[in-house]
Amino acid sequence: MKKVCENWEKVLLTTTCGPEYFEEFEAKAKQASAEIFRVKTPVEAKEIITNLIKFTNAKKVVSVDNVLQQASGVNEELQAMGIELYTSQNDIAEHAETADIGISGVEFGIAETGSVCQDAYAIESRLVSMLPPVHIAFMPSSRIVPGVEQAFDVFSQVFQRGYLSLITGPSRTADIERVLTIGVHGPSRFIVIAVDEPVSGGVA
């Protein structure tokens, strides 16, 4: 899968970054209507996702695999539940528009705005995060930078070509008579699962 940066973890070591900024990140993200779950291990994320699937009665999931998701074992659990799960580029392209949930990884969070950065060079990453009504993103809880300035310092080190997404809560617009509406141009729910336990390889 194409990526703007092959080792985000290494690049983030060059800037101010750490779990001490998580509390501010969580507060700002919730202000933007994101849903935040912090877990100690990837396996704990599996229960959150399976409960969400049961609650929403989801039948179809598209997913861009990341190491946190793989460590959680959620893919195997979804298949055991009889959920349609699509992970290849071609299958995601075919099914993202009709999927109930999209699952991906994001590279880091920004405490100042409650945003997350997604390496979205690969088209399947963009489809998974934009088309389904629910987007679930895995993120290491230690990868939080304090502000936008630090985020752009990171971008300046890695970006030569490709596509980076900054996601702040679910899709929203107030274009129609200045009435705020959620989920018009993208997911109506944005859920971040922040994992404390380091997993080899990070999110990439």
Protein backbone atom coordinates (compact mmCIF):
# COMPACT_ATOMS: atom_id res chain seq x y z
CA MET A 1 0.00 0.00 0.00
CA LYS A 2 1.38 3.42 -0.97
CA LYS A 3 2.20 5.74 1.92
CA VAL A 4 3.52 9.27 2.20
CA CYS A 5 5.85 8.09 4.97
CA GLU A 6 6.96 4.54 5.70
CA ASN A 7 7.99 5.19 9.31
CA TRP A 8 5.85 7.80 11.05
CA GLU A 9 7.03 6.63 14.45
CA LYS A 10 10.63 7.52 13.65
CA VAL A 11 9.69 10.96 12.31
CA LEU A 12 7.53 11.75 15.34
CA LEU A 13 10.54 11.14 17.59
CA THR A 14 12.05 14.32 16.11
CA THR A 15 9.32 16.59 17.50
CA THR A 16 7.46 17.22 20.75
CA CYS A 17 5.11 14.27 21.07
CA GLY A 18 3.78 12.06 23.85
CA PRO A 19 0.88 10.68 25.91
CA GLU A 20 0.98 13.70 28.23
CA TYR A 21 -1.00 15.58 25.57
CA PHE A 22 -3.74 12.96 25.36
CA GLU A 23 -6.10 14.60 27.86
CA GLU A 24 -6.22 17.84 25.88
CA PHE A 25 -6.55 15.91 22.62
CA GLU A 26 -9.49 13.95 24.00
CA ALA A 27 -11.27 17.06 25.28
CA LYS A 28 -10.90 18.93 21.99
CA ALA A 29 -11.87 15.89 19.92
CA LYS A 30 -15.05 15.42 21.95
CA GLN A 31 -15.89 19.09 21.46
CA ALA A 32 -15.85 18.33 17.73
CA SER A 33 -18.26 15.38 18.30
CA ALA A 34 -15.63 12.65 17.95
CA GLU A 35 -15.95 9.59 20.18
CA ILE A 36 -12.76 8.64 22.00
CA PHE A 37 -11.92 5.31 23.62
CA ARG A 38 -8.57 4.76 25.32
CA VAL A 39 -7.54 1.16 25.95
CA LYS A 40 -4.42 -0.44 27.38
CA THR A 41 -4.05 -3.19 24.76
CA PRO A 42 -5.23 -3.73 21.18
CA VAL A 43 -7.27 -6.74 22.28
CA GLU A 44 -9.49 -4.45 24.38
CA ALA A 45 -10.39 -2.59 21.19
CA LYS A 46 -12.00 -5.73 19.81
CA GLU A 47 -14.83 -5.59 22.36
CA ILE A 48 -15.51 -1.93 21.60
CA ILE A 49 -15.82 -2.64 17.88
CA THR A 50 -17.92 -5.79 18.23
CA ASN A 51 -20.30 -4.00 20.61
CA LEU A 52 -20.59 -1.11 18.16
CA ILE A 53 -21.40 -3.52 15.33
CA LYS A 54 -24.09 -5.19 17.40
CA PHE A 55 -25.56 -1.84 18.48
CA THR A 56 -25.67 -0.45 14.93
CA ASN A 57 -26.68 -3.76 13.37
CA ALA A 58 -23.85 -3.38 10.90
CA LYS A 59 -23.53 -6.07 8.22
CA LYS A 60 -20.65 -4.86 6.04
CA VAL A 61 -17.22 -3.50 7.04
CA VAL A 62 -14.37 -2.20 4.89
CA SER A 63 -10.96 -2.01 6.48
CA VAL A 64 -7.42 -0.90 5.70
CA ASP A 65 -5.38 -3.15 7.96
CA ASN A 66 -2.89 -1.64 10.40
CA VAL A 67 -0.75 -3.37 13.01
CA LEU A 68 -2.90 -2.24 15.95
CA GLN A 69 -5.97 -3.68 14.28
CA GLN A 70 -4.14 -6.89 13.44
CA ALA A 71 -2.98 -7.23 17.05
CA SER A 72 -6.55 -6.77 18.28
CA GLY A 73 -7.81 -9.83 16.41
CA VAL A 74 -10.92 -7.92 15.37
CA ASN A 75 -10.88 -9.16 11.76
CA GLU A 76 -11.13 -12.77 12.88
CA GLU A 77 -13.88 -11.84 15.32
CA LEU A 78 -15.90 -10.06 12.62
CA GLN A 79 -15.63 -13.05 10.31
CA ALA A 80 -16.77 -15.33 13.14
CA MET A 81 -19.79 -13.04 13.60
CA GLY A 82 -20.70 -13.46 9.93
CA ILE A 83 -19.91 -9.84 9.04
CA GLU A 84 -18.95 -9.11 5.42
CA LEU A 85 -15.37 -7.86 5.72
CA TYR A 86 -13.44 -6.39 2.79
CA THR A 87 -9.75 -5.51 3.07
CA SER A 88 -8.24 -5.61 -0.43
CA GLN A 89 -7.96 -2.49 -2.56
CA ASN A 90 -10.36 -3.76 -5.24
CA ASP A 91 -12.93 -4.99 -2.72
CA ILE A 92 -12.80 -1.73 -0.78
CA ALA A 93 -13.33 0.25 -3.98
CA GLU A 94 -16.37 -1.90 -4.79
CA HIS A 95 -17.97 -1.99 -1.34
CA ALA A 96 -16.98 1.19 0.54
CA GLU A 97 -20.01 3.14 -0.66
CA THR A 98 -22.42 0.56 0.76
CA ALA A 99 -20.43 -0.43 3.85
CA ASP A 100 -21.79 0.30 7.32
CA ILE A 101 -18.40 0.84 8.97
CA GLY A 102 -14.89 1.73 7.81
CA ILE A 103 -11.83 0.90 9.90
CA SER A 104 -8.38 2.40 9.44
CA GLY A 105 -5.30 3.59 11.27
CA VAL A 106 -4.24 7.19 11.78
CA GLU A 107 -0.68 8.34 12.35
CA PHE A 108 -0.98 10.83 15.20
CA GLY A 109 -3.27 13.25 17.00
CA ILE A 110 -3.09 17.02 17.52
CA ALA A 111 -4.01 18.15 21.04
CA GLU A 112 -4.71 21.77 20.11
CA THR A 113 -7.55 20.89 17.72
CA GLY A 114 -8.52 17.31 18.58
CA SER A 115 -7.65 16.33 15.01
CA VAL A 116 -5.93 13.21 13.73
CA CYS A 117 -3.57 12.86 10.79
CA GLN A 118 -4.12 10.03 8.34
CA ASP A 119 -1.60 8.96 5.73
CA ALA A 120 -4.13 8.74 2.92
CA TYR A 121 -1.84 8.35 -0.08
CA ALA A 122 -3.55 5.02 -0.88
CA ILE A 123 -7.01 5.46 -2.39
CA GLU A 124 -8.39 2.69 -0.19
CA SER A 125 -7.50 4.71 2.92
CA ARG A 126 -9.54 7.64 1.64
CA LEU A 127 -12.50 5.47 0.69
CA VAL A 128 -12.61 3.74 4.08
CA SER A 129 -12.50 7.02 5.99
CA MET A 130 -14.90 9.03 3.83
CA LEU A 131 -17.71 6.83 2.50
CA PRO A 132 -19.11 4.60 5.29
CA PRO A 133 -21.38 6.36 7.81
CA VAL A 134 -19.13 5.25 10.69
CA HIS A 135 -15.33 5.59 10.66
CA ILE A 136 -13.26 3.85 13.35
CA ALA A 137 -9.60 4.84 13.58
CA PHE A 138 -6.85 3.10 15.53
CA MET A 139 -4.12 5.34 16.97
CA PRO A 140 -1.29 4.87 19.48
CA SER A 141 -2.13 7.05 22.50
CA SER A 142 1.52 8.09 22.74
CA ARG A 143 1.46 9.77 19.34
CA ILE A 144 -0.01 13.15 20.25
CA VAL A 145 1.67 16.42 19.30
CA PRO A 146 0.70 19.55 21.26
CA GLY A 147 -0.26 21.79 18.37
CA VAL A 148 -0.71 22.51 14.69
CA GLU A 149 2.78 24.02 14.51
CA GLN A 150 4.36 20.71 15.54
CA ALA A 151 2.12 18.83 13.13
CA PHE A 152 3.34 20.94 10.22
CA ASP A 153 6.93 20.47 11.37
CA VAL A 154 6.30 16.74 10.92
CA PHE A 155 4.65 17.26 7.52
CA SER A 156 7.63 19.30 6.32
CA GLN A 157 9.89 16.31 6.97
CA VAL A 158 7.82 13.70 5.16
CA PHE A 159 5.67 15.28 2.48
CA GLN A 160 6.91 15.34 -1.09
CA ARG A 161 3.89 13.88 -2.83
CA GLY A 162 0.72 12.03 -1.98
CA TYR A 163 -2.22 12.81 0.28
CA LEU A 164 -2.51 13.57 3.99
CA SER A 165 -5.86 13.97 5.74
CA LEU A 166 -6.55 15.96 8.89
CA ILE A 167 -9.78 14.68 10.41
CA THR A 168 -11.57 16.64 13.12
CA GLY A 169 -14.74 14.88 14.22
CA PRO A 170 -17.48 13.61 11.92
CA SER A 171 -18.50 15.34 8.71
CA ARG A 172 -20.41 18.56 9.33
CA THR A 173 -21.80 21.51 7.40
CA ALA A 174 -23.84 24.62 8.11
CA ASP A 175 -24.29 25.62 4.48
CA ILE A 176 -28.06 25.16 4.55
CA GLU A 177 -29.63 28.12 6.35
CA ARG A 178 -26.72 28.07 8.83
CA VAL A 179 -28.10 24.99 10.55
CA LEU A 180 -25.37 22.57 11.65
CA THR A 181 -25.87 19.14 10.13
CA ILE A 182 -23.71 16.11 10.85
CA GLY A 183 -22.80 13.48 8.27
CA VAL A 184 -23.73 15.22 5.03
CA HIS A 185 -20.41 14.93 3.18
CA GLY A 186 -18.92 11.97 5.04
CA PRO A 187 -19.24 9.83 8.18
CA SER A 188 -21.81 10.85 10.77
CA ARG A 189 -19.76 9.14 13.49
CA PHE A 190 -16.00 9.31 13.99
CA ILE A 191 -14.53 7.01 16.61
CA VAL A 192 -10.88 6.98 17.72
CA ILE A 193 -9.54 3.97 19.61
CA ALA A 194 -6.30 5.04 21.27
CA VAL A 195 -4.07 2.15 22.35
CA ASP A 196 -1.48 2.50 25.12
CA GLU A 197 0.50 -0.68 24.47
CA PRO A 198 3.27 -0.26 21.88
CA VAL A 199 3.00 -2.61 18.92
CA SER A 200 5.97 -3.19 16.66
CA GLY A 201 5.63 -1.22 13.45
CA GLY A 202 3.25 1.44 14.79
CA VAL A 203 0.19 2.10 12.63
CA ALA A 204 1.92 1.68 9.28
